[in-house]
Amino acid sequence: MLGTLDHRHILGLAEALADVDVQRLLGEVAQLAEQGPDFAAVLDELSSMLHRLAVAQMVPDAVDNSHGDRDVILQLASRFTAEDIQLYYQIGIQGRGDMVHAPDLRSALEMTLLRMLAFRPQGVPKPPRTPLPLRREASSEATMAADASAHASGAEAASSAPPQPSPEAETRPDAEPEVHSTPPAEPQPQPQPQPETVMPAAAEAPPLQEPPLGQSKLMQRRQKWRLPSSKPLSQRRWLSQNMLLSQRQP
């Protein structure tokens, strides 16, 4: 019917995007143009299908079967990468807003589909069919990495462990224990006693001898009459004469 939208054409557009087939993509748009559809509605349906494909990649059980194509959606989701679906959805939403300013809705739809493939990373091959969900693949890779690290740590522990004695060496009856002989310690020389040094006794001073009685009196007299040399010469002569006289007296 003219103006109606066949859901099989939307699936054809999605398969052309999965195969990165530009010729088939433009051929599907040409077949849609023969029916005179609303090209804005076509882009809306394609964006809705991309949303279902993203859900199928992460949670396959959450995909609805409203169109009776649940198995087809799951099979188609395994042919996309998660990055491609996110990119195509973003370009489809932006292209829907640009249709207001486009001179022709068909050319606007074709430019949006071509932009999806043009902005796809170059040099990336077509994704192979992988089992869903995609998170299971990431978890298996993490499990393999953990097993590899555990195996490496076990090998390092085994290499660093000290060697264990063999059971044959433990059960040999004639095995003698190793005896480590140590040389006897040399006796330390005892210190020789030093002879005591006896200090010589100080020589006793001779006793003081008292001068004779006559000499002591004479000295006292001399000391009595001794005068300093500052006296005049006449006085010193007089004193010396008196001293001689006193010495002569008994």
C-alpha atoms as a PDB file:
ATOM      1  CA  MET A   1       0.000   0.000   0.000  1.00  0.00           C
ATOM      2  CA  LEU A   2       1.188   3.502  -0.852  1.00  0.00           C
ATOM      3  CA  GLY A   3       2.543   5.378   2.160  1.00  0.00           C
ATOM      4  CA  THR A   4       2.845   2.321   4.377  1.00  0.00           C
ATOM      5  CA  LEU A   5       6.179   1.269   5.807  1.00  0.00           C
ATOM      6  CA  ASP A   6       7.338  -2.301   5.386  1.00  0.00           C
ATOM      7  CA  HIS A   7       9.396  -3.506   8.376  1.00  0.00           C
ATOM      8  CA  ARG A   8      11.463  -5.721   6.077  1.00  0.00           C
ATOM      9  CA  HIS A   9      13.034  -2.641   4.481  1.00  0.00           C
ATOM     10  CA  ILE A  10      14.195  -1.439   7.903  1.00  0.00           C
ATOM     11  CA  LEU A  11      15.853  -4.832   8.477  1.00  0.00           C
ATOM     12  CA  GLY A  12      17.423  -4.528   5.012  1.00  0.00           C
ATOM     13  CA  LEU A  13      18.926  -1.149   5.933  1.00  0.00           C
ATOM     14  CA  ALA A  14      20.337  -2.571   9.175  1.00  0.00           C
ATOM     15  CA  GLU A  15      21.867  -5.559   7.365  1.00  0.00           C
ATOM     16  CA  ALA A  16      23.470  -3.243   4.786  1.00  0.00           C
ATOM     17  CA  LEU A  17      25.020  -1.227   7.639  1.00  0.00           C
ATOM     18  CA  ALA A  18      26.304  -4.450   9.232  1.00  0.00           C
ATOM     19  CA  ASP A  19      27.928  -5.542   5.952  1.00  0.00           C
ATOM     20  CA  VAL A  20      29.214  -2.008   5.228  1.00  0.00           C
ATOM     21  CA  ASP A  21      27.585  -2.338   1.799  1.00  0.00           C
ATOM     22  CA  VAL A  22      26.892   1.134   0.358  1.00  0.00           C
ATOM     23  CA  GLN A  23      25.312  -0.176  -2.886  1.00  0.00           C
ATOM     24  CA  ARG A  24      22.757  -2.282  -1.058  1.00  0.00           C
ATOM     25  CA  LEU A  25      22.074   0.592   1.348  1.00  0.00           C
ATOM     26  CA  LEU A  26      21.131   2.965  -1.478  1.00  0.00           C
ATOM     27  CA  GLY A  27      19.148   0.181  -3.182  1.00  0.00           C
ATOM     28  CA  GLU A  28      16.956  -0.236  -0.078  1.00  0.00           C
ATOM     29  CA  VAL A  29      16.286   3.510  -0.046  1.00  0.00           C
ATOM     30  CA  ALA A  30      15.285   3.341  -3.738  1.00  0.00           C
ATOM     31  CA  GLN A  31      12.809   0.522  -3.048  1.00  0.00           C
ATOM     32  CA  LEU A  32      11.330   2.539  -0.188  1.00  0.00           C
ATOM     33  CA  ALA A  33      10.955   5.563  -2.454  1.00  0.00           C
ATOM     34  CA  GLU A  34       8.690   3.542  -4.801  1.00  0.00           C
ATOM     35  CA  GLN A  35       6.170   3.182  -1.975  1.00  0.00           C
ATOM     36  CA  GLY A  36       6.192   6.871  -1.170  1.00  0.00           C
ATOM     37  CA  PRO A  37       6.883   6.533   2.568  1.00  0.00           C
ATOM     38  CA  ASP A  38       7.623   9.177   5.147  1.00  0.00           C
ATOM     39  CA  PHE A  39      11.423   9.243   5.155  1.00  0.00           C
ATOM     40  CA  ALA A  40      11.477  10.881   8.586  1.00  0.00           C
ATOM     41  CA  ALA A  41       9.498   7.885   9.914  1.00  0.00           C
ATOM     42  CA  VAL A  42      11.995   5.544   8.217  1.00  0.00           C
ATOM     43  CA  LEU A  43      14.853   7.182  10.114  1.00  0.00           C
ATOM     44  CA  ASP A  44      12.862   6.967  13.353  1.00  0.00           C
ATOM     45  CA  GLU A  45      12.271   3.228  12.843  1.00  0.00           C
ATOM     46  CA  LEU A  46      15.949   2.668  12.069  1.00  0.00           C
ATOM     47  CA  SER A  47      17.005   4.505  15.252  1.00  0.00           C
ATOM     48  CA  SER A  48      14.545   2.396  17.265  1.00  0.00           C
ATOM     49  CA  MET A  49      16.027  -0.794  15.775  1.00  0.00           C
ATOM     50  CA  LEU A  50      19.541   0.358  16.665  1.00  0.00           C
ATOM     51  CA  HIS A  51      18.354   0.773  20.239  1.00  0.00           C
ATOM     52  CA  ARG A  52      17.049  -2.794  20.267  1.00  0.00           C
ATOM     53  CA  LEU A  53      20.360  -4.051  18.867  1.00  0.00           C
ATOM     54  CA  ALA A  54      22.298  -2.315  21.662  1.00  0.00           C
ATOM     55  CA  VAL A  55      20.039  -3.913  24.274  1.00  0.00           C
ATOM     56  CA  ALA A  56      20.453  -7.319  22.608  1.00  0.00           C
ATOM     57  CA  GLN A  57      24.244  -7.030  22.835  1.00  0.00           C
ATOM     58  CA  MET A  58      24.211  -6.341  26.568  1.00  0.00           C
ATOM     59  CA  VAL A  59      21.099  -8.171  27.837  1.00  0.00           C
ATOM     60  CA  PRO A  60      19.715 -10.595  25.253  1.00  0.00           C
ATOM     61  CA  ASP A  61      16.824 -11.654  27.494  1.00  0.00           C
ATOM     62  CA  ALA A  62      15.533  -8.063  27.615  1.00  0.00           C
ATOM     63  CA  VAL A  63      14.800  -7.871  23.863  1.00  0.00           C
ATOM     64  CA  ASP A  64      11.067  -7.575  23.200  1.00  0.00           C
ATOM     65  CA  ASN A  65       9.280  -9.561  20.522  1.00  0.00           C
ATOM     66  CA  SER A  66       6.729  -6.928  19.587  1.00  0.00           C
ATOM     67  CA  HIS A  67       7.405  -7.292  15.852  1.00  0.00           C
ATOM     68  CA  GLY A  68       7.962 -11.043  15.982  1.00  0.00           C
ATOM     69  CA  ASP A  69      11.615 -10.602  15.024  1.00  0.00           C
ATOM     70  CA  ARG A  70      13.400 -11.294  18.319  1.00  0.00           C
ATOM     71  CA  ASP A  71      15.585 -14.063  16.862  1.00  0.00           C
ATOM     72  CA  VAL A  72      16.475 -11.889  13.867  1.00  0.00           C
ATOM     73  CA  ILE A  73      17.465  -9.015  16.179  1.00  0.00           C
ATOM     74  CA  LEU A  74      19.700 -11.308  18.273  1.00  0.00           C
ATOM     75  CA  GLN A  75      21.370 -12.674  15.155  1.00  0.00           C
ATOM     76  CA  LEU A  76      21.847  -9.190  13.708  1.00  0.00           C
ATOM     77  CA  ALA A  77      23.267  -7.786  16.972  1.00  0.00           C
ATOM     78  CA  SER A  78      26.167 -10.251  16.831  1.00  0.00           C
ATOM     79  CA  ARG A  79      27.301  -8.718  13.519  1.00  0.00           C
ATOM     80  CA  PHE A  80      27.861  -5.211  14.974  1.00  0.00           C
ATOM     81  CA  THR A  81      30.381  -3.899  17.404  1.00  0.00           C
ATOM     82  CA  ALA A  82      29.082  -1.959  20.386  1.00  0.00           C
ATOM     83  CA  GLU A  83      30.960   1.148  19.222  1.00  0.00           C
ATOM     84  CA  ASP A  84      29.383   1.054  15.750  1.00  0.00           C
ATOM     85  CA  ILE A  85      25.845   0.811  17.125  1.00  0.00           C
ATOM     86  CA  GLN A  86      26.425   3.763  19.478  1.00  0.00           C
ATOM     87  CA  LEU A  87      27.876   5.807  16.594  1.00  0.00           C
ATOM     88  CA  TYR A  88      25.043   4.971  14.176  1.00  0.00           C
ATOM     89  CA  TYR A  89      22.405   5.816  16.779  1.00  0.00           C
ATOM     90  CA  GLN A  90      23.968   9.204  17.536  1.00  0.00           C
ATOM     91  CA  ILE A  91      24.238  10.082  13.836  1.00  0.00           C
ATOM     92  CA  GLY A  92      20.614   8.976  13.271  1.00  0.00           C
ATOM     93  CA  ILE A  93      19.315  11.246  16.065  1.00  0.00           C
ATOM     94  CA  GLN A  94      21.263  14.221  14.706  1.00  0.00           C
ATOM     95  CA  GLY A  95      20.144  13.482  11.136  1.00  0.00           C
ATOM     96  CA  ARG A  96      16.521  13.466  12.273  1.00  0.00           C
ATOM     97  CA  GLY A  97      16.920  17.045  13.476  1.00  0.00           C
ATOM     98  CA  ASP A  98      18.660  18.110  10.270  1.00  0.00           C
ATOM     99  CA  MET A  99      15.711  16.950   8.133  1.00  0.00           C
ATOM    100  CA  VAL A 100      13.862  20.167   8.955  1.00  0.00           C
ATOM    101  CA  HIS A 101      16.469  22.189   7.068  1.00  0.00           C
ATOM    102  CA  ALA A 102      17.003  19.708   4.194  1.00  0.00           C
ATOM    103  CA  PRO A 103      15.533  20.531   0.759  1.00  0.00           C
ATOM    104  CA  ASP A 104      14.544  16.891   0.189  1.00  0.00           C
ATOM    105  CA  LEU A 105      13.670  14.266   2.826  1.00  0.00           C
ATOM    106  CA  ARG A 106      15.014  11.395   0.718  1.00  0.00           C
ATOM    107  CA  SER A 107      18.360  13.094   0.199  1.00  0.00           C
ATOM    108  CA  ALA A 108      18.441  13.871   3.933  1.00  0.00           C
ATOM    109  CA  LEU A 109      17.907  10.137   4.730  1.00  0.00           C
ATOM    110  CA  GLU A 110      20.571   9.057   2.261  1.00  0.00           C
ATOM    111  CA  MET A 111      23.074  11.591   3.601  1.00  0.00           C
ATOM    112  CA  THR A 112      22.425  10.360   7.156  1.00  0.00           C
ATOM    113  CA  LEU A 113      23.013   6.714   6.149  1.00  0.00           C
ATOM    114  CA  LEU A 114      26.153   7.625   4.226  1.00  0.00           C
ATOM    115  CA  ARG A 115      27.424   9.634   7.187  1.00  0.00           C
ATOM    116  CA  MET A 116      27.111   6.517   9.367  1.00  0.00           C
ATOM    117  CA  LEU A 117      29.484   4.584   7.151  1.00  0.00           C
ATOM    118  CA  ALA A 118      31.746   7.566   6.478  1.00  0.00           C
ATOM    119  CA  PHE A 119      32.386   8.162  10.179  1.00  0.00           C
ATOM    120  CA  ARG A 120      32.967   4.489  10.889  1.00  0.00           C
ATOM    121  CA  PRO A 121      36.644   3.979  11.841  1.00  0.00           C
ATOM    122  CA  GLN A 122      38.696   3.229   8.738  1.00  0.00           C
ATOM    123  CA  GLY A 123      40.652   0.002   8.545  1.00  0.00           C
ATOM    124  CA  VAL A 124      38.303  -1.823  10.935  1.00  0.00           C
ATOM    125  CA  PRO A 125      37.213  -5.139   9.383  1.00  0.00           C
ATOM    126  CA  LYS A 126      33.678  -6.374   9.533  1.00  0.00           C
ATOM    127  CA  PRO A 127      32.986  -7.781  12.997  1.00  0.00           C
ATOM    128  CA  PRO A 128      32.664 -11.569  13.102  1.00  0.00           C
ATOM    129  CA  ARG A 129      29.626 -13.244  14.552  1.00  0.00           C
ATOM    130  CA  THR A 130      30.183 -13.387  18.295  1.00  0.00           C
ATOM    131  CA  PRO A 131      27.970 -14.941  20.978  1.00  0.00           C
ATOM    132  CA  LEU A 132      25.880 -12.618  23.088  1.00  0.00           C
ATOM    133  CA  PRO A 133      26.034 -10.909  25.502  1.00  0.00           C
ATOM    134  CA  LEU A 134      29.233  -9.051  24.789  1.00  0.00           C
ATOM    135  CA  ARG A 135      29.943  -8.608  28.516  1.00  0.00           C
ATOM    136  CA  ARG A 136      30.358 -12.375  28.856  1.00  0.00           C
ATOM    137  CA  GLU A 137      33.332 -12.167  26.483  1.00  0.00           C
ATOM    138  CA  ALA A 138      34.922  -9.451  28.615  1.00  0.00           C
ATOM    139  CA  SER A 139      34.361 -11.493  31.790  1.00  0.00           C
ATOM    140  CA  SER A 140      35.950 -14.577  30.191  1.00  0.00           C
ATOM    141  CA  GLU A 141      38.985 -12.516  29.183  1.00  0.00           C
ATOM    142  CA  ALA A 142      39.282 -11.225  32.742  1.00  0.00           C
ATOM    143  CA  THR A 143      39.036 -14.810  34.056  1.00  0.00           C
ATOM    144  CA  MET A 144      41.765 -15.966  31.688  1.00  0.00           C
ATOM    145  CA  ALA A 145      43.994 -13.071  32.751  1.00  0.00           C
ATOM    146  CA  ALA A 146      43.422 -13.919  36.425  1.00  0.00           C
ATOM    147  CA  ASP A 147      44.289 -17.593  35.807  1.00  0.00           C
ATOM    148  CA  ALA A 148      47.456 -16.597  33.961  1.00  0.00           C
ATOM    149  CA  SER A 149      48.554 -14.292  36.783  1.00  0.00           C
ATOM    150  CA  ALA A 150      47.819 -16.995  39.377  1.00  0.00           C
ATOM    151  CA  HIS A 151      49.852 -19.529  37.393  1.00  0.00           C
ATOM    152  CA  ALA A 152      52.755 -17.065  37.105  1.00  0.00           C
ATOM    153  CA  SER A 153      52.681 -16.315  40.844  1.00  0.00           C
ATOM    154  CA  GLY A 154      52.625 -20.042  41.625  1.00  0.00           C
ATOM    155  CA  ALA A 155      55.658 -20.626  39.413  1.00  0.00           C
ATOM    156  CA  GLU A 156      57.537 -17.774  41.110  1.00  0.00           C
ATOM    157  CA  ALA A 157      56.702 -19.183  44.553  1.00  0.00           C
ATOM    158  CA  ALA A 158      57.900 -22.643  43.515  1.00  0.00           C
ATOM    159  CA  SER A 159      61.181 -21.252  42.156  1.00  0.00           C
ATOM    160  CA  SER A 160      61.837 -19.166  45.289  1.00  0.00           C
ATOM    161  CA  ALA A 161      61.105 -22.040  47.741  1.00  0.00           C
ATOM    162  CA  PRO A 162      64.208 -23.765  49.284  1.00  0.00           C
ATOM    163  CA  PRO A 163      65.001 -27.252  47.917  1.00  0.00           C
ATOM    164  CA  GLN A 164      63.519 -30.079  49.953  1.00  0.00           C
ATOM    165  CA  PRO A 165      65.697 -33.120  50.804  1.00  0.00           C
ATOM    166  CA  SER A 166      64.897 -36.258  48.864  1.00  0.00           C
ATOM    167  CA  PRO A 167      63.076 -39.056  50.749  1.00  0.00           C
ATOM    168  CA  GLU A 168      65.914 -41.507  49.931  1.00  0.00           C
ATOM    169  CA  ALA A 169      68.375 -39.393  51.864  1.00  0.00           C
ATOM    170  CA  GLU A 170      66.001 -39.276  54.850  1.00  0.00           C
ATOM    171  CA  THR A 171      65.418 -43.069  54.960  1.00  0.00           C
ATOM    172  CA  ARG A 172      69.061 -44.211  54.526  1.00  0.00           C
ATOM    173  CA  PRO A 173      70.037 -46.095  57.725  1.00  0.00           C
ATOM    174  CA  ASP A 174      73.783 -45.752  57.183  1.00  0.00           C
ATOM    175  CA  ALA A 175      73.670 -42.021  56.805  1.00  0.00           C
ATOM    176  CA  GLU A 176      75.750 -40.386  59.485  1.00  0.00           C
ATOM    177  CA  PRO A 177      75.002 -36.933  60.741  1.00  0.00           C
ATOM    178  CA  GLU A 178      77.487 -34.354  59.744  1.00  0.00           C
ATOM    179  CA  VAL A 179      79.697 -33.229  62.597  1.00  0.00           C
ATOM    180  CA  HIS A 180      81.191 -29.804  62.350  1.00  0.00           C
ATOM    181  CA  SER A 181      84.477 -29.801  64.291  1.00  0.00           C
ATOM    182  CA  THR A 182      85.618 -26.524  65.692  1.00  0.00           C
ATOM    183  CA  PRO A 183      89.300 -25.928  66.671  1.00  0.00           C
ATOM    184  CA  PRO A 184      89.950 -25.546  70.430  1.00  0.00           C
ATOM    185  CA  ALA A 185      90.324 -22.064  71.662  1.00  0.00           C
ATOM    186  CA  GLU A 186      93.869 -20.959  72.475  1.00  0.00           C
ATOM    187  CA  PRO A 187      94.490 -20.064  76.170  1.00  0.00           C
ATOM    188  CA  GLN A 188      94.964 -16.437  76.804  1.00  0.00           C
ATOM    189  CA  PRO A 189      98.346 -15.503  78.476  1.00  0.00           C
ATOM    190  CA  GLN A 190      98.014 -14.446  82.106  1.00  0.00           C
ATOM    191  CA  PRO A 191      99.520 -11.060  83.042  1.00  0.00           C
ATOM    192  CA  GLN A 192     102.817 -11.300  84.995  1.00  0.00           C
ATOM    193  CA  PRO A 193     102.815  -9.687  88.470  1.00  0.00           C
ATOM    194  CA  GLN A 194     104.888  -6.558  88.599  1.00  0.00           C
ATOM    195  CA  PRO A 195     107.431  -6.235  91.500  1.00  0.00           C
ATOM    196  CA  GLU A 196     106.521  -3.661  94.009  1.00  0.00           C
ATOM    197  CA  THR A 197     108.809  -0.658  93.984  1.00  0.00           C
ATOM    198  CA  VAL A 198     109.913   0.399  97.445  1.00  0.00           C
ATOM    199  CA  MET A 199     110.510   4.049  97.770  1.00  0.00           C
ATOM    200  CA  PRO A 200     113.729   4.803  99.717  1.00  0.00           C
ATOM    201  CA  ALA A 201     113.160   6.460 103.015  1.00  0.00           C
ATOM    202  CA  ALA A 202     114.085  10.080 103.203  1.00  0.00           C
ATOM    203  CA  ALA A 203     117.393  10.713 104.909  1.00  0.00           C
ATOM    204  CA  GLU A 204     116.931  12.002 108.378  1.00  0.00           C
ATOM    205  CA  ALA A 205     118.173  15.487 108.886  1.00  0.00           C
ATOM    206  CA  PRO A 206     120.972  15.782 111.511  1.00  0.00           C
ATOM    207  CA  PRO A 207     119.823  17.299 114.730  1.00  0.00           C
ATOM    208  CA  LEU A 208     120.431  20.969 115.115  1.00  0.00           C
ATOM    209  CA  GLN A 209     123.325  21.734 117.354  1.00  0.00           C
ATOM    210  CA  GLU A 210     123.003  24.653 119.618  1.00  0.00           C
ATOM    211  CA  PRO A 211     125.944  27.046 119.608  1.00  0.00           C
ATOM    212  CA  PRO A 212     128.010  27.364 122.788  1.00  0.00           C
ATOM    213  CA  LEU A 213     126.788  29.684 125.364  1.00  0.00           C
ATOM    214  CA  GLY A 214     129.647  32.120 124.958  1.00  0.00           C
ATOM    215  CA  GLN A 215     129.157  32.419 121.205  1.00  0.00           C
ATOM    216  CA  SER A 216     125.450  33.070 121.506  1.00  0.00           C
ATOM    217  CA  LYS A 217     125.973  35.920 123.864  1.00  0.00           C
ATOM    218  CA  LEU A 218     128.571  37.373 121.561  1.00  0.00           C
ATOM    219  CA  MET A 219     126.177  37.216 118.639  1.00  0.00           C
ATOM    220  CA  GLN A 220     123.484  38.855 120.692  1.00  0.00           C
ATOM    221  CA  ARG A 221     125.777  41.653 121.546  1.00  0.00           C
ATOM    222  CA  ARG A 222     126.788  42.116 117.943  1.00  0.00           C
ATOM    223  CA  GLN A 223     123.207  42.188 116.913  1.00  0.00           C
ATOM    224  CA  LYS A 224     122.466  44.674 119.595  1.00  0.00           C
ATOM    225  CA  TRP A 225     125.154  47.074 118.550  1.00  0.00           C
ATOM    226  CA  ARG A 226     124.686  46.637 114.777  1.00  0.00           C
ATOM    227  CA  LEU A 227     123.511  49.793 113.186  1.00  0.00           C
ATOM    228  CA  PRO A 228     122.645  50.613 109.622  1.00  0.00           C
ATOM    229  CA  SER A 229     125.310  52.128 107.368  1.00  0.00           C
ATOM    230  CA  SER A 230     123.291  55.312 107.024  1.00  0.00           C
ATOM    231  CA  LYS A 231     124.766  56.573 110.400  1.00  0.00           C
ATOM    232  CA  PRO A 232     127.567  59.177 110.210  1.00  0.00           C
ATOM    233  CA  LEU A 233     131.103  57.883 110.248  1.00  0.00           C
ATOM    234  CA  SER A 234     131.931  59.400 113.646  1.00  0.00           C
ATOM    235  CA  GLN A 235     128.976  57.765 115.289  1.00  0.00           C
ATOM    236  CA  ARG A 236     129.861  54.394 113.760  1.00  0.00           C
ATOM    237  CA  ARG A 237     133.398  54.646 115.133  1.00  0.00           C
ATOM    238  CA  TRP A 238     132.095  55.435 118.579  1.00  0.00           C
ATOM    239  CA  LEU A 239     129.787  52.496 118.506  1.00  0.00           C
ATOM    240  CA  SER A 240     132.511  50.134 117.319  1.00  0.00           C
ATOM    241  CA  GLN A 241     134.775  51.205 120.179  1.00  0.00           C
ATOM    242  CA  ASN A 242     132.070  50.643 122.738  1.00  0.00           C
ATOM    243  CA  MET A 243     131.395  47.254 121.270  1.00  0.00           C
ATOM    244  CA  LEU A 244     135.095  46.293 121.584  1.00  0.00           C
ATOM    245  CA  LEU A 245     135.118  47.395 125.145  1.00  0.00           C
ATOM    246  CA  SER A 246     132.084  45.385 125.909  1.00  0.00           C
ATOM    247  CA  GLN A 247     133.631  42.291 124.364  1.00  0.00           C
ATOM    248  CA  ARG A 248     136.709  42.586 126.517  1.00  0.00           C
ATOM    249  CA  GLN A 249     134.662  42.673 129.680  1.00  0.00           C
ATOM    250  CA  PRO A 250     134.105  39.235 131.185  1.00  0.00           C
END
